[in-house]
Amino acid sequence: MTRTDCLEALARLYEFLDGELDAADAAAVRHHMEVCAGCYPFLQFCGSFQDALHRAAKGQPAAPPELRQRIASLLRNEGLKPHNH
């Protein structure tokens, strides 16, 4: 991913926040988020939301890896579907 537009950056935002992107993709998403006035507030919101979830889950048992993989797969697939509004 060399140049990243808003749709690409937003689609990969949680992967970025979770540290799941390779160095080049993470740098592209980070750069876009830092320079795009429309996306930066969303990065701030999602980062804060993720921090709040981590604080709320502290001390809670972790979900089994199979469940985490299934949820991640469902979320990825949902992100690819067009929305009919």
C-alpha atoms as a PDB file:
ATOM      1  CA  MET A   1       0.000   0.000   0.000  1.00  0.00           C
ATOM      2  CA  THR A   2       1.884   3.089  -1.130  1.00  0.00           C
ATOM      3  CA  ARG A   3      -0.755   5.816  -1.275  1.00  0.00           C
ATOM      4  CA  THR A   4      -3.713   5.371   0.962  1.00  0.00           C
ATOM      5  CA  ASP A   5      -7.088   6.989   0.444  1.00  0.00           C
ATOM      6  CA  CYS A   6      -9.739   7.501   3.110  1.00  0.00           C
ATOM      7  CA  LEU A   7     -11.618   4.268   2.391  1.00  0.00           C
ATOM      8  CA  GLU A   8      -8.470   2.155   2.569  1.00  0.00           C
ATOM      9  CA  ALA A   9      -7.227   3.860   5.719  1.00  0.00           C
ATOM     10  CA  LEU A  10     -10.564   3.546   7.506  1.00  0.00           C
ATOM     11  CA  ALA A  11     -10.981  -0.088   6.410  1.00  0.00           C
ATOM     12  CA  ARG A  12      -7.604  -0.953   7.950  1.00  0.00           C
ATOM     13  CA  LEU A  13      -7.825   1.289  10.997  1.00  0.00           C
ATOM     14  CA  TYR A  14      -8.438  -1.426  13.588  1.00  0.00           C
ATOM     15  CA  GLU A  15      -5.702  -3.602  12.105  1.00  0.00           C
ATOM     16  CA  PHE A  16      -3.444  -0.555  12.443  1.00  0.00           C
ATOM     17  CA  LEU A  17      -4.491   0.122  16.037  1.00  0.00           C
ATOM     18  CA  ASP A  18      -4.003  -3.547  16.925  1.00  0.00           C
ATOM     19  CA  GLY A  19      -0.513  -3.627  15.368  1.00  0.00           C
ATOM     20  CA  GLU A  20      -1.545  -6.243  12.809  1.00  0.00           C
ATOM     21  CA  LEU A  21      -0.241  -4.476   9.673  1.00  0.00           C
ATOM     22  CA  ASP A  22       3.209  -4.902   8.211  1.00  0.00           C
ATOM     23  CA  ALA A  23       5.537  -1.919   8.525  1.00  0.00           C
ATOM     24  CA  ALA A  24       4.778  -0.456   5.076  1.00  0.00           C
ATOM     25  CA  ASP A  25       0.995  -0.693   5.430  1.00  0.00           C
ATOM     26  CA  ALA A  26       1.107   0.672   8.987  1.00  0.00           C
ATOM     27  CA  ALA A  27       3.219   3.621   7.812  1.00  0.00           C
ATOM     28  CA  ALA A  28       0.778   4.335   4.973  1.00  0.00           C
ATOM     29  CA  VAL A  29      -2.252   4.265   7.272  1.00  0.00           C
ATOM     30  CA  ARG A  30      -0.443   6.340   9.925  1.00  0.00           C
ATOM     31  CA  HIS A  31       0.606   8.932   7.330  1.00  0.00           C
ATOM     32  CA  HIS A  32      -2.904   9.210   5.912  1.00  0.00           C
ATOM     33  CA  MET A  33      -4.453   9.562   9.364  1.00  0.00           C
ATOM     34  CA  GLU A  34      -1.936  12.247  10.346  1.00  0.00           C
ATOM     35  CA  VAL A  35      -2.509  14.411   7.260  1.00  0.00           C
ATOM     36  CA  CYS A  36      -6.225  13.875   6.539  1.00  0.00           C
ATOM     37  CA  ALA A  37      -8.400  16.339   8.439  1.00  0.00           C
ATOM     38  CA  GLY A  38     -11.453  14.137   7.806  1.00  0.00           C
ATOM     39  CA  CYS A  39      -9.930  10.896   9.090  1.00  0.00           C
ATOM     40  CA  TYR A  40      -7.807  12.132  12.003  1.00  0.00           C
ATOM     41  CA  PRO A  41     -10.773  12.719  14.369  1.00  0.00           C
ATOM     42  CA  PHE A  42     -11.985   9.181  13.646  1.00  0.00           C
ATOM     43  CA  LEU A  43      -8.523   7.819  14.507  1.00  0.00           C
ATOM     44  CA  GLN A  44      -8.666   9.721  17.802  1.00  0.00           C
ATOM     45  CA  PHE A  45     -12.170   8.406  18.558  1.00  0.00           C
ATOM     46  CA  CYS A  46     -11.327   4.789  17.702  1.00  0.00           C
ATOM     47  CA  GLY A  47      -8.103   4.906  19.681  1.00  0.00           C
ATOM     48  CA  SER A  48      -9.940   6.288  22.722  1.00  0.00           C
ATOM     49  CA  PHE A  49     -12.734   3.739  22.314  1.00  0.00           C
ATOM     50  CA  GLN A  50     -10.227   0.905  22.071  1.00  0.00           C
ATOM     51  CA  ASP A  51      -8.425   2.173  25.189  1.00  0.00           C
ATOM     52  CA  ALA A  52     -11.746   2.273  27.067  1.00  0.00           C
ATOM     53  CA  LEU A  53     -12.496  -1.313  26.018  1.00  0.00           C
ATOM     54  CA  HIS A  54      -9.068  -2.443  27.202  1.00  0.00           C
ATOM     55  CA  ARG A  55      -9.593  -0.754  30.578  1.00  0.00           C
ATOM     56  CA  ALA A  56     -13.082  -2.279  30.926  1.00  0.00           C
ATOM     57  CA  ALA A  57     -11.797  -5.751  30.036  1.00  0.00           C
ATOM     58  CA  LYS A  58      -8.841  -5.634  32.419  1.00  0.00           C
ATOM     59  CA  GLY A  59      -8.969  -8.693  34.642  1.00  0.00           C
ATOM     60  CA  GLN A  60     -11.622 -10.399  32.510  1.00  0.00           C
ATOM     61  CA  PRO A  61     -10.868 -13.831  31.021  1.00  0.00           C
ATOM     62  CA  ALA A  62      -9.759 -13.697  27.384  1.00  0.00           C
ATOM     63  CA  ALA A  63     -11.899 -15.186  24.641  1.00  0.00           C
ATOM     64  CA  PRO A  64     -10.637 -18.474  23.207  1.00  0.00           C
ATOM     65  CA  PRO A  65      -8.490 -18.037  20.051  1.00  0.00           C
ATOM     66  CA  GLU A  66     -11.118 -19.790  17.917  1.00  0.00           C
ATOM     67  CA  LEU A  67     -13.769 -17.260  18.931  1.00  0.00           C
ATOM     68  CA  ARG A  68     -11.430 -14.329  18.307  1.00  0.00           C
ATOM     69  CA  GLN A  69     -10.592 -15.667  14.815  1.00  0.00           C
ATOM     70  CA  ARG A  70     -14.251 -16.218  13.979  1.00  0.00           C
ATOM     71  CA  ILE A  71     -15.236 -12.710  15.096  1.00  0.00           C
ATOM     72  CA  ALA A  72     -12.327 -11.162  13.176  1.00  0.00           C
ATOM     73  CA  SER A  73     -13.366 -13.078  10.059  1.00  0.00           C
ATOM     74  CA  LEU A  74     -16.984 -11.971  10.400  1.00  0.00           C
ATOM     75  CA  LEU A  75     -15.932  -8.348  10.848  1.00  0.00           C
ATOM     76  CA  ARG A  76     -13.641  -8.476   7.800  1.00  0.00           C
ATOM     77  CA  ASN A  77     -16.412 -10.009   5.689  1.00  0.00           C
ATOM     78  CA  GLU A  78     -18.949  -7.464   6.934  1.00  0.00           C
ATOM     79  CA  GLY A  79     -16.607  -4.639   5.950  1.00  0.00           C
ATOM     80  CA  LEU A  80     -16.534  -5.904   2.353  1.00  0.00           C
ATOM     81  CA  LYS A  81     -20.308  -6.008   1.894  1.00  0.00           C
ATOM     82  CA  PRO A  82     -22.042  -3.002   0.314  1.00  0.00           C
ATOM     83  CA  HIS A  83     -24.559  -1.391   2.629  1.00  0.00           C
ATOM     84  CA  ASN A  84     -28.088  -0.871   1.339  1.00  0.00           C
ATOM     85  CA  HIS A  85     -29.512   2.214   3.022  1.00  0.00           C
END
